[in-house]
C-alpha atoms as a PDB file:
ATOM      1  CA  MET A   1      98.842  54.545-149.772  1.00  0.00           C
ATOM      2  CA  LEU A   2      98.615  51.396-147.654  1.00  0.00           C
ATOM      3  CA  LYS A   3      97.834  51.378-143.951  1.00  0.00           C
ATOM      4  CA  ALA A   4     100.376  49.563-141.784  1.00  0.00           C
ATOM      5  CA  PRO A   5      98.826  46.191-140.826  1.00  0.00           C
ATOM      6  CA  LYS A   6      97.973  45.915-137.152  1.00  0.00           C
ATOM      7  CA  PHE A   7      99.772  42.574-136.882  1.00  0.00           C
ATOM      8  CA  TRP A   8     103.064  44.365-137.555  1.00  0.00           C
ATOM      9  CA  TYR A   9     102.842  45.853-134.068  1.00  0.00           C
ATOM     10  CA  GLN A  10     101.484  42.916-132.112  1.00  0.00           C
ATOM     11  CA  LYS A  11     103.817  41.558-129.437  1.00  0.00           C
ATOM     12  CA  LYS A  12     103.189  37.966-130.457  1.00  0.00           C
ATOM     13  CA  ILE A  13     103.870  36.870-134.028  1.00  0.00           C
ATOM     14  CA  GLY A  14     100.444  36.131-135.505  1.00  0.00           C
ATOM     15  CA  ILE A  15      99.227  33.875-138.278  1.00  0.00           C
ATOM     16  CA  PHE A  16      99.368  36.620-140.940  1.00  0.00           C
ATOM     17  CA  ALA A  17     103.023  37.323-140.181  1.00  0.00           C
ATOM     18  CA  ILE A  18     103.857  33.611-140.335  1.00  0.00           C
ATOM     19  CA  ILE A  19     102.119  33.239-143.713  1.00  0.00           C
ATOM     20  CA  LEU A  20     104.055  36.193-145.137  1.00  0.00           C
ATOM     21  CA  MET A  21     107.462  35.196-143.764  1.00  0.00           C
ATOM     22  CA  PRO A  22     108.564  33.331-146.936  1.00  0.00           C
ATOM     23  CA  LEU A  23     107.971  36.512-148.978  1.00  0.00           C
ATOM     24  CA  THR A  24     110.586  38.386-146.941  1.00  0.00           C
ATOM     25  CA  LEU A  25     113.152  36.471-149.000  1.00  0.00           C
ATOM     26  CA  PHE A  26     112.224  38.591-152.033  1.00  0.00           C
ATOM     27  CA  TRP A  27     112.720  41.760-149.970  1.00  0.00           C
ATOM     28  CA  ILE A  28     116.136  40.546-148.814  1.00  0.00           C
ATOM     29  CA  ILE A  29     117.209  39.656-152.361  1.00  0.00           C
ATOM     30  CA  GLY A  30     116.014  43.019-153.686  1.00  0.00           C
ATOM     31  CA  THR A  31     117.964  44.848-150.990  1.00  0.00           C
ATOM     32  CA  LEU A  32     121.132  42.865-151.687  1.00  0.00           C
ATOM     33  CA  LEU A  33     120.868  43.555-155.419  1.00  0.00           C
ATOM     34  CA  ARG A  34     120.409  47.302-154.832  1.00  0.00           C
ATOM     35  CA  LYS A  35     123.411  47.338-152.527  1.00  0.00           C
ATOM     36  CA  SER A  36     125.573  45.307-154.930  1.00  0.00           C
ATOM     37  CA  PHE A  37     124.870  47.514-157.948  1.00  0.00           C
ATOM     38  CA  SER A  38     125.109  50.878-156.181  1.00  0.00           C
ATOM     39  CA  ASN A  39     128.038  53.157-156.922  1.00  0.00           C
ATOM     40  CA  VAL A  40     128.828  55.298-153.882  1.00  0.00           C
ATOM     41  CA  ASN A  41     129.026  59.048-154.607  1.00  0.00           C
ATOM     42  CA  LYS A  42     130.491  61.643-152.253  1.00  0.00           C
ATOM     43  CA  ALA A  43     128.814  65.020-151.954  1.00  0.00           C
ATOM     44  CA  PRO A  44     130.840  68.254-152.185  1.00  0.00           C
ATOM     45  CA  ILE A  45     129.723  69.184-148.652  1.00  0.00           C
ATOM     46  CA  PRO A  46     129.058  67.096-145.495  1.00  0.00           C
ATOM     47  CA  VAL A  47     126.064  64.766-145.493  1.00  0.00           C
ATOM     48  CA  ILE A  48     123.947  63.725-142.510  1.00  0.00           C
ATOM     49  CA  ALA A  49     121.644  60.758-143.168  1.00  0.00           C
ATOM     50  CA  VAL A  50     118.544  60.393-140.999  1.00  0.00           C
ATOM     51  CA  GLY A  51     116.568  57.180-140.948  1.00  0.00           C
ATOM     52  CA  SER A  52     115.222  54.089-139.272  1.00  0.00           C
ATOM     53  CA  ALA A  53     114.809  50.382-139.872  1.00  0.00           C
ATOM     54  CA  ILE A  54     111.056  50.873-139.564  1.00  0.00           C
ATOM     55  CA  ILE A  55     108.730  51.746-142.449  1.00  0.00           C
ATOM     56  CA  GLY A  56     106.847  54.927-141.527  1.00  0.00           C
ATOM     57  CA  GLY A  57     106.000  56.633-138.278  1.00  0.00           C
ATOM     58  CA  SER A  58     109.304  56.634-136.389  1.00  0.00           C
ATOM     59  CA  GLY A  59     109.654  60.430-136.283  1.00  0.00           C
ATOM     60  CA  LYS A  60     112.175  60.948-139.075  1.00  0.00           C
ATOM     61  CA  THR A  61     110.663  64.174-140.438  1.00  0.00           C
ATOM     62  CA  PRO A  62     110.496  66.070-137.097  1.00  0.00           C
ATOM     63  CA  SER A  63     114.003  64.781-136.359  1.00  0.00           C
ATOM     64  CA  VAL A  64     115.285  66.260-139.633  1.00  0.00           C
ATOM     65  CA  LEU A  65     113.754  69.619-138.667  1.00  0.00           C
ATOM     66  CA  TYR A  66     115.307  69.401-135.191  1.00  0.00           C
ATOM     67  CA  ILE A  67     118.759  68.702-136.655  1.00  0.00           C
ATOM     68  CA  CYS A  68     118.433  71.622-139.075  1.00  0.00           C
ATOM     69  CA  GLU A  69     117.295  73.901-136.254  1.00  0.00           C
ATOM     70  CA  GLN A  70     120.349  73.082-134.148  1.00  0.00           C
ATOM     71  CA  LEU A  71     122.728  73.406-137.109  1.00  0.00           C
ATOM     72  CA  THR A  72     121.254  76.804-137.982  1.00  0.00           C
ATOM     73  CA  LYS A  73     121.696  78.034-134.418  1.00  0.00           C
ATOM     74  CA  ALA A  74     125.363  76.972-134.649  1.00  0.00           C
ATOM     75  CA  GLY A  75     125.883  79.054-137.790  1.00  0.00           C
ATOM     76  CA  TYR A  76     125.455  76.407-140.499  1.00  0.00           C
ATOM     77  CA  HIS A  77     123.226  76.662-143.594  1.00  0.00           C
ATOM     78  CA  PRO A  78     121.555  73.251-143.834  1.00  0.00           C
ATOM     79  CA  HIS A  79     119.460  72.153-146.796  1.00  0.00           C
ATOM     80  CA  ILE A  80     117.168  69.138-146.714  1.00  0.00           C
ATOM     81  CA  ILE A  81     117.207  66.506-149.444  1.00  0.00           C
ATOM     82  CA  SER A  82     114.044  64.415-149.777  1.00  0.00           C
ATOM     83  CA  ARG A  83     112.913  61.809-152.254  1.00  0.00           C
ATOM     84  CA  GLY A  84     109.467  63.422-152.236  1.00  0.00           C
ATOM     85  CA  TYR A  85     107.566  60.291-151.293  1.00  0.00           C
ATOM     86  CA  GLY A  86     104.078  60.319-152.787  1.00  0.00           C
ATOM     87  CA  GLY A  87     104.863  63.165-155.185  1.00  0.00           C
ATOM     88  CA  THR A  88     104.723  62.919-158.981  1.00  0.00           C
ATOM     89  CA  ILE A  89     107.745  65.082-159.822  1.00  0.00           C
ATOM     90  CA  ASN A  90     110.573  63.197-161.534  1.00  0.00           C
ATOM     91  CA  GLU A  91     113.023  66.057-161.941  1.00  0.00           C
ATOM     92  CA  LEU A  92     115.191  67.969-159.494  1.00  0.00           C
ATOM     93  CA  ILE A  93     113.243  70.793-157.866  1.00  0.00           C
ATOM     94  CA  ARG A  94     113.585  73.127-154.911  1.00  0.00           C
ATOM     95  CA  VAL A  95     110.344  72.877-152.993  1.00  0.00           C
ATOM     96  CA  ARG A  96     108.343  76.043-152.420  1.00  0.00           C
ATOM     97  CA  PRO A  97     105.734  76.249-149.635  1.00  0.00           C
ATOM     98  CA  GLU A  98     103.032  77.294-152.118  1.00  0.00           C
ATOM     99  CA  MET A  99     103.443  74.118-154.212  1.00  0.00           C
ATOM    100  CA  ASN A 100     100.901  71.308-154.291  1.00  0.00           C
ATOM    101  CA  TYR A 101     101.813  68.335-152.111  1.00  0.00           C
ATOM    102  CA  ALA A 102     100.773  65.993-154.944  1.00  0.00           C
ATOM    103  CA  LEU A 103     103.774  67.270-156.903  1.00  0.00           C
ATOM    104  CA  VAL A 104     106.522  67.011-154.277  1.00  0.00           C
ATOM    105  CA  GLY A 105     105.057  64.916-151.444  1.00  0.00           C
ATOM    106  CA  ASP A 106     103.544  66.024-148.141  1.00  0.00           C
ATOM    107  CA  GLU A 107     106.707  65.636-146.025  1.00  0.00           C
ATOM    108  CA  ALA A 108     108.909  67.638-148.389  1.00  0.00           C
ATOM    109  CA  LEU A 109     106.284  70.364-148.630  1.00  0.00           C
ATOM    110  CA  MET A 110     105.945  70.574-144.852  1.00  0.00           C
ATOM    111  CA  MET A 111     109.723  70.766-144.344  1.00  0.00           C
ATOM    112  CA  SER A 112     110.019  73.520-146.957  1.00  0.00           C
ATOM    113  CA  HIS A 113     108.078  75.822-144.621  1.00  0.00           C
ATOM    114  CA  TYR A 114     111.042  75.701-142.238  1.00  0.00           C
ATOM    115  CA  PHE A 115     114.252  75.060-144.220  1.00  0.00           C
ATOM    116  CA  PRO A 116     115.384  74.932-147.861  1.00  0.00           C
ATOM    117  CA  THR A 117     114.211  71.575-149.214  1.00  0.00           C
ATOM    118  CA  TRP A 118     115.008  69.753-152.448  1.00  0.00           C
ATOM    119  CA  VAL A 119     113.283  66.802-154.069  1.00  0.00           C
ATOM    120  CA  SER A 120     115.134  64.603-156.498  1.00  0.00           C
ATOM    121  CA  LYS A 121     115.201  60.928-157.452  1.00  0.00           C
ATOM    122  CA  ASN A 122     118.924  61.466-158.056  1.00  0.00           C
ATOM    123  CA  LYS A 123     120.161  62.801-154.730  1.00  0.00           C
ATOM    124  CA  TYR A 124     123.643  63.545-156.027  1.00  0.00           C
ATOM    125  CA  SER A 125     122.327  66.128-158.500  1.00  0.00           C
ATOM    126  CA  ALA A 126     120.455  67.757-155.599  1.00  0.00           C
ATOM    127  CA  PHE A 127     123.684  67.962-153.584  1.00  0.00           C
ATOM    128  CA  ASN A 128     125.364  70.177-156.176  1.00  0.00           C
ATOM    129  CA  GLU A 129     122.359  72.459-156.617  1.00  0.00           C
ATOM    130  CA  ALA A 130     121.961  72.850-152.857  1.00  0.00           C
ATOM    131  CA  LYS A 131     125.611  73.862-152.553  1.00  0.00           C
ATOM    132  CA  LYS A 132     125.198  76.430-155.350  1.00  0.00           C
ATOM    133  CA  ASP A 133     122.175  77.771-153.470  1.00  0.00           C
ATOM    134  CA  GLY A 134     124.163  78.387-150.283  1.00  0.00           C
ATOM    135  CA  ALA A 135     124.086  75.091-148.372  1.00  0.00           C
ATOM    136  CA  ASN A 136     127.201  74.107-146.460  1.00  0.00           C
ATOM    137  CA  ILE A 137     125.754  70.922-144.942  1.00  0.00           C
ATOM    138  CA  LEU A 138     123.061  68.499-146.130  1.00  0.00           C
ATOM    139  CA  VAL A 139     120.445  66.601-144.137  1.00  0.00           C
ATOM    140  CA  LEU A 140     118.968  63.605-145.949  1.00  0.00           C
ATOM    141  CA  ASP A 141     115.471  62.592-144.919  1.00  0.00           C
ATOM    142  CA  ASP A 142     114.897  58.825-144.721  1.00  0.00           C
ATOM    143  CA  ALA A 143     118.285  57.873-146.173  1.00  0.00           C
ATOM    144  CA  LEU A 144     119.610  55.120-143.937  1.00  0.00           C
ATOM    145  CA  GLN A 145     118.938  52.602-146.719  1.00  0.00           C
ATOM    146  CA  SER A 146     120.431  54.766-149.522  1.00  0.00           C
ATOM    147  CA  PHE A 147     123.419  52.670-150.544  1.00  0.00           C
ATOM    148  CA  ASN A 148     124.772  54.958-153.278  1.00  0.00           C
ATOM    149  CA  ILE A 149     125.599  57.921-151.015  1.00  0.00           C
ATOM    150  CA  PHE A 150     128.649  58.487-148.852  1.00  0.00           C
ATOM    151  CA  LYS A 151     127.379  59.629-145.452  1.00  0.00           C
ATOM    152  CA  ASP A 152     129.586  61.573-143.083  1.00  0.00           C
ATOM    153  CA  ILE A 153     127.260  60.567-140.266  1.00  0.00           C
ATOM    154  CA  SER A 154     124.088  58.505-139.908  1.00  0.00           C
ATOM    155  CA  ILE A 155     121.467  59.191-137.244  1.00  0.00           C
ATOM    156  CA  TYR A 156     119.058  56.431-136.267  1.00  0.00           C
ATOM    157  CA  ILE A 157     115.580  57.444-135.082  1.00  0.00           C
ATOM    158  CA  TYR A 158     113.964  55.201-132.485  1.00  0.00           C
ATOM    159  CA  ASP A 159     110.522  55.885-131.062  1.00  0.00           C
ATOM    160  CA  GLY A 160     109.663  54.178-127.801  1.00  0.00           C
ATOM    161  CA  ILE A 161     105.929  54.111-128.551  1.00  0.00           C
ATOM    162  CA  GLN A 162     106.401  52.393-131.901  1.00  0.00           C
ATOM    163  CA  SER A 163     109.528  50.381-131.039  1.00  0.00           C
ATOM    164  CA  PHE A 164     110.434  47.666-133.612  1.00  0.00           C
ATOM    165  CA  GLY A 165     106.996  46.115-133.983  1.00  0.00           C
ATOM    166  CA  ASN A 166     107.130  42.332-134.355  1.00  0.00           C
ATOM    167  CA  ARG A 167     110.811  42.619-135.468  1.00  0.00           C
ATOM    168  CA  LEU A 168     110.180  40.951-138.824  1.00  0.00           C
ATOM    169  CA  LEU A 169     111.106  42.156-142.302  1.00  0.00           C
ATOM    170  CA  VAL A 170     108.586  43.425-144.856  1.00  0.00           C
ATOM    171  CA  PRO A 171     105.952  42.168-145.603  1.00  0.00           C
ATOM    172  CA  ALA A 172     105.726  40.030-142.445  1.00  0.00           C
ATOM    173  CA  GLY A 173     106.696  43.026-140.312  1.00  0.00           C
ATOM    174  CA  PRO A 174     107.630  46.714-140.492  1.00  0.00           C
ATOM    175  CA  LEU A 175     111.432  46.348-140.803  1.00  0.00           C
ATOM    176  CA  ARG A 176     113.226  47.408-143.979  1.00  0.00           C
ATOM    177  CA  GLU A 177     116.455  45.806-142.767  1.00  0.00           C
ATOM    178  CA  SER A 178     117.591  43.939-139.691  1.00  0.00           C
ATOM    179  CA  ILE A 179     117.832  45.906-136.461  1.00  0.00           C
ATOM    180  CA  LYS A 180     121.518  45.005-136.131  1.00  0.00           C
ATOM    181  CA  SER A 181     122.310  46.218-139.645  1.00  0.00           C
ATOM    182  CA  ALA A 182     120.632  49.580-139.053  1.00  0.00           C
ATOM    183  CA  ILE A 183     122.337  50.013-135.684  1.00  0.00           C
ATOM    184  CA  ASP A 184     125.792  49.080-136.957  1.00  0.00           C
ATOM    185  CA  LYS A 185     125.728  51.742-139.695  1.00  0.00           C
ATOM    186  CA  SER A 186     124.596  54.547-137.353  1.00  0.00           C
ATOM    187  CA  GLN A 187     126.780  56.757-135.132  1.00  0.00           C
ATOM    188  CA  ILE A 188     124.108  58.711-133.245  1.00  0.00           C
ATOM    189  CA  PHE A 189     120.773  57.529-131.883  1.00  0.00           C
ATOM    190  CA  PHE A 190     117.715  59.652-131.218  1.00  0.00           C
ATOM    191  CA  LEU A 191     115.567  58.004-128.552  1.00  0.00           C
ATOM    192  CA  ILE A 192     112.186  59.712-128.796  1.00  0.00           C
ATOM    193  CA  ASN A 193     109.589  59.068-126.103  1.00  0.00           C
ATOM    194  CA  SER A 194     111.992  56.469-124.729  1.00  0.00           C
ATOM    195  CA  THR A 195     114.565  55.721-122.049  1.00  0.00           C
ATOM    196  CA  PRO A 196     118.144  54.499-122.675  1.00  0.00           C
ATOM    197  CA  ASN A 197     118.076  51.210-124.552  1.00  0.00           C
ATOM    198  CA  ASN A 198     121.196  49.027-124.555  1.00  0.00           C
ATOM    199  CA  GLU A 199     120.044  47.311-127.737  1.00  0.00           C
ATOM    200  CA  LEU A 200     120.657  50.588-129.560  1.00  0.00           C
ATOM    201  CA  GLY A 201     124.419  50.609-129.474  1.00  0.00           C
ATOM    202  CA  GLU A 202     125.444  50.787-125.820  1.00  0.00           C
ATOM    203  CA  LYS A 203     128.755  52.474-126.676  1.00  0.00           C
ATOM    204  CA  LYS A 204     127.300  54.887-129.239  1.00  0.00           C
ATOM    205  CA  SER A 205     126.012  58.400-128.693  1.00  0.00           C
ATOM    206  CA  ARG A 206     122.405  58.512-127.562  1.00  0.00           C
ATOM    207  CA  HIS A 207     120.134  61.524-127.276  1.00  0.00           C
ATOM    208  CA  ILE A 208     117.031  61.302-125.104  1.00  0.00           C
ATOM    209  CA  LEU A 209     114.432  63.461-126.846  1.00  0.00           C
ATOM    210  CA  LYS A 210     110.750  64.244-126.549  1.00  0.00           C
ATOM    211  CA  TYR A 211     108.158  64.985-129.184  1.00  0.00           C
ATOM    212  CA  LYS A 212     106.035  67.764-127.769  1.00  0.00           C
ATOM    213  CA  ILE A 213     102.759  68.935-129.298  1.00  0.00           C
ATOM    214  CA  SER A 214     101.475  72.463-128.861  1.00  0.00           C
ATOM    215  CA  VAL A 215      97.770  72.929-128.268  1.00  0.00           C
ATOM    216  CA  ASN A 216      95.840  76.088-129.050  1.00  0.00           C
ATOM    217  CA  PRO A 217      94.180  77.254-125.780  1.00  0.00           C
ATOM    218  CA  GLU A 218      90.936  77.777-127.722  1.00  0.00           C
ATOM    219  CA  ILE A 219      90.405  74.017-128.083  1.00  0.00           C
ATOM    220  CA  LEU A 220      91.343  72.951-124.562  1.00  0.00           C
ATOM    221  CA  GLU A 221      87.736  72.848-123.388  1.00  0.00           C
ATOM    222  CA  LYS A 222      86.197  71.616-126.643  1.00  0.00           C
ATOM    223  CA  LYS A 223      85.102  68.171-127.683  1.00  0.00           C
ATOM    224  CA  LEU A 224      87.498  67.046-130.397  1.00  0.00           C
ATOM    225  CA  LEU A 225      87.297  64.657-133.318  1.00  0.00           C
ATOM    226  CA  ALA A 226      90.886  63.873-134.283  1.00  0.00           C
ATOM    227  CA  PHE A 227      92.073  62.143-137.431  1.00  0.00           C
ATOM    228  CA  SER A 228      95.384  61.299-139.072  1.00  0.00           C
ATOM    229  CA  GLY A 229      96.955  59.386-141.926  1.00  0.00           C
ATOM    230  CA  LEU A 230     100.440  58.581-140.624  1.00  0.00           C
ATOM    231  CA  GLY A 231     102.774  55.619-140.595  1.00  0.00           C
ATOM    232  CA  PHE A 232     101.810  54.974-136.960  1.00  0.00           C
ATOM    233  CA  ASN A 233      98.545  56.731-136.101  1.00  0.00           C
ATOM    234  CA  LYS A 234      98.416  55.492-132.512  1.00  0.00           C
ATOM    235  CA  LYS A 235     101.304  57.792-131.625  1.00  0.00           C
ATOM    236  CA  PHE A 236      99.251  60.880-132.506  1.00  0.00           C
ATOM    237  CA  LEU A 237      96.336  59.657-130.395  1.00  0.00           C
ATOM    238  CA  ASP A 238      98.656  58.928-127.443  1.00  0.00           C
ATOM    239  CA  GLN A 239     100.104  62.446-127.665  1.00  0.00           C
ATOM    240  CA  LEU A 240      96.637  64.009-127.655  1.00  0.00           C
ATOM    241  CA  GLU A 241      95.548  61.943-124.683  1.00  0.00           C
ATOM    242  CA  SER A 242      98.720  62.862-122.802  1.00  0.00           C
ATOM    243  CA  GLU A 243      97.519  66.484-122.951  1.00  0.00           C
ATOM    244  CA  ASN A 244      94.184  65.436-121.390  1.00  0.00           C
ATOM    245  CA  LEU A 245      92.234  66.655-124.405  1.00  0.00           C
ATOM    246  CA  ASN A 246      88.602  65.628-124.778  1.00  0.00           C
ATOM    247  CA  ILE A 247      88.892  63.281-127.766  1.00  0.00           C
ATOM    248  CA  VAL A 248      85.384  61.980-128.495  1.00  0.00           C
ATOM    249  CA  LYS A 249      86.486  60.055-131.570  1.00  0.00           C
ATOM    250  CA  PHE A 250      89.672  59.212-133.450  1.00  0.00           C
ATOM    251  CA  LYS A 251      89.701  58.288-137.157  1.00  0.00           C
ATOM    252  CA  GLU A 252      92.639  56.532-138.787  1.00  0.00           C
ATOM    253  CA  PHE A 253      93.609  56.766-142.446  1.00  0.00           C
ATOM    254  CA  PRO A 254      96.476  55.141-144.392  1.00  0.00           C
ATOM    255  CA  ASP A 255      99.880  56.828-144.370  1.00  0.00           C
ATOM    256  CA  HIS A 256     100.069  59.781-146.815  1.00  0.00           C
ATOM    257  CA  HIS A 257      96.317  59.483-147.480  1.00  0.00           C
ATOM    258  CA  SER A 258      95.067  62.037-150.002  1.00  0.00           C
ATOM    259  CA  TYR A 259      91.908  63.430-148.411  1.00  0.00           C
ATOM    260  CA  THR A 260      88.958  63.834-150.749  1.00  0.00           C
ATOM    261  CA  VAL A 261      86.076  66.273-150.486  1.00  0.00           C
ATOM    262  CA  GLU A 262      83.908  63.315-149.486  1.00  0.00           C
ATOM    263  CA  ASP A 263      86.331  62.356-146.691  1.00  0.00           C
ATOM    264  CA  ILE A 264      86.162  65.817-145.147  1.00  0.00           C
ATOM    265  CA  PHE A 265      82.379  66.085-145.536  1.00  0.00           C
ATOM    266  CA  GLN A 266      82.041  62.796-143.646  1.00  0.00           C
ATOM    267  CA  LEU A 267      84.415  63.966-140.919  1.00  0.00           C
ATOM    268  CA  LEU A 268      82.597  67.283-140.565  1.00  0.00           C
ATOM    269  CA  ASP A 269      79.255  65.474-140.403  1.00  0.00           C
ATOM    270  CA  GLU A 270      80.517  63.181-137.614  1.00  0.00           C
ATOM    271  CA  ALA A 271      82.001  66.148-135.762  1.00  0.00           C
ATOM    272  CA  ASN A 272      78.720  68.094-135.988  1.00  0.00           C
ATOM    273  CA  LYS A 273      76.763  65.137-134.608  1.00  0.00           C
ATOM    274  CA  LYS A 274      79.088  65.039-131.603  1.00  0.00           C
ATOM    275  CA  ASP A 275      79.295  68.833-131.276  1.00  0.00           C
ATOM    276  CA  ALA A 276      83.036  68.456-131.787  1.00  0.00           C
ATOM    277  CA  PHE A 277      85.851  70.360-133.513  1.00  0.00           C
ATOM    278  CA  LEU A 278      88.046  68.658-136.128  1.00  0.00           C
ATOM    279  CA  ILE A 279      91.810  68.485-135.506  1.00  0.00           C
ATOM    280  CA  THR A 280      94.695  66.793-137.296  1.00  0.00           C
ATOM    281  CA  THR A 281      98.476  66.887-137.687  1.00  0.00           C
ATOM    282  CA  GLU A 282     100.441  69.504-139.601  1.00  0.00           C
ATOM    283  CA  LYS A 283     101.374  66.948-142.254  1.00  0.00           C
ATOM    284  CA  ASP A 284      97.781  65.769-142.664  1.00  0.00           C
ATOM    285  CA  HIS A 285      96.500  69.337-142.922  1.00  0.00           C
ATOM    286  CA  ILE A 286      98.651  69.801-146.027  1.00  0.00           C
ATOM    287  CA  ARG A 287      96.668  67.019-147.742  1.00  0.00           C
ATOM    288  CA  ILE A 288      93.231  68.517-147.044  1.00  0.00           C
ATOM    289  CA  PRO A 289      91.443  70.223-149.968  1.00  0.00           C
ATOM    290  CA  ASN A 290      92.023  73.981-149.742  1.00  0.00           C
ATOM    291  CA  GLU A 291      88.354  74.866-149.270  1.00  0.00           C
ATOM    292  CA  PHE A 292      88.258  72.890-145.999  1.00  0.00           C
ATOM    293  CA  LYS A 293      91.555  73.931-144.417  1.00  0.00           C
ATOM    294  CA  SER A 294      89.977  76.650-142.278  1.00  0.00           C
ATOM    295  CA  SER A 295      87.520  74.109-140.839  1.00  0.00           C
ATOM    296  CA  VAL A 296      90.228  71.850-139.399  1.00  0.00           C
ATOM    297  CA  GLY A 297      92.547  72.757-136.537  1.00  0.00           C
ATOM    298  CA  ILE A 298      96.263  71.929-136.725  1.00  0.00           C
ATOM    299  CA  ILE A 299      98.183  70.251-133.917  1.00  0.00           C
ATOM    300  CA  TYR A 300     101.819  71.271-134.296  1.00  0.00           C
ATOM    301  CA  GLY A 301     104.651  69.300-132.772  1.00  0.00           C
ATOM    302  CA  LYS A 302     108.428  69.388-132.536  1.00  0.00           C
ATOM    303  CA  ILE A 303     111.386  67.559-131.056  1.00  0.00           C
ATOM    304  CA  ILE A 304     112.783  69.075-127.871  1.00  0.00           C
ATOM    305  CA  SER A 305     115.936  68.317-125.871  1.00  0.00           C
ATOM    306  CA  ASP A 306     117.474  69.298-122.545  1.00  0.00           C
ATOM    307  CA  ASN A 307     120.917  69.513-124.164  1.00  0.00           C
ATOM    308  CA  PRO A 308     120.557  70.487-127.850  1.00  0.00           C
ATOM    309  CA  SER A 309     124.097  71.891-128.262  1.00  0.00           C
ATOM    310  CA  LYS A 310     125.535  68.400-127.670  1.00  0.00           C
ATOM    311  CA  LEU A 311     124.237  67.296-131.084  1.00  0.00           C
ATOM    312  CA  VAL A 312     126.196  69.840-133.139  1.00  0.00           C
ATOM    313  CA  THR A 313     129.384  69.074-131.195  1.00  0.00           C
ATOM    314  CA  GLU A 314     129.064  65.391-132.070  1.00  0.00           C
ATOM    315  CA  ILE A 315     128.181  66.074-135.708  1.00  0.00           C
ATOM    316  CA  GLU A 316     131.266  68.258-136.065  1.00  0.00           C
ATOM    317  CA  LYS A 317     133.503  65.459-134.775  1.00  0.00           C
ATOM    318  CA  HIS A 318     132.349  63.203-137.599  1.00  0.00           C
ATOM    319  CA  ILE A 319     132.326  65.686-140.465  1.00  0.00           C
ATOM    320  CA  LYS A 320     135.862  66.845-139.608  1.00  0.00           C
ATOM    321  CA  LYS A 321     137.090  63.242-139.885  1.00  0.00           C
ATOM    322  CA  ASN A 322     135.894  63.090-143.484  1.00  0.00           C
END
């Protein structure tokens, strides 16, 4: 997988972005063609689409888990539908926690540890199977740009650390569609690590949320070598530093990077030289070869809110309309 270019997140538009600007026309044309030739299908049960205009790193996966957690507490039976990014499976499958991430993708595998999760290139076929399996509401991971699905409600995920980058479309920037387009199609906004932002639909519902990591007390006093392969690695480093952990080195890998035995040997060697302990994210830990999993600590994290019940109330308003 490719690492997000650093110039995507520079405040000033650099030379690389300017050179790539003409190529955004191909992205725009491709998007318009997909939208024009998409037939919209309605699921047999309500659908919540979760997404962002940004490619990678905005917090979509933890937001999906947060939504499912609140729905479950309110008595619903949510199932997650994922496209299984990075996985090789081409058929509809319910993800099991014991599966290999290479088959279904790291995000889908991680989510399956918490809620029923399905992977399918054809989301509509997954809708019917999820309903047969007991779902009465569906949460679609990274589906804001899925044009062939009727969505009862769309939730936009905005992370204050990542923001919108240089605000340009792929490949000149990290945007999959214009900010206005993404905002206009969304009814609820999750503002993670952020304060109210009038650009994000001043009259729309906004939830101020925090992404909180939990740290094992055993590593509080240790030197730590942290690594991650995420869409926006800096966010993980910022979260670690906010907990005043002793990070002696931080290693970045491309998003969804498949760690090799050589990768882990090199990381362990660097950690030993610094008398440090290896740590990474929950999603990255899934992609570590099994024989090394016990040698790497996991930093878990989740979305938290001061008023979680508000979300279900707002979701119910929209699904009852449809």
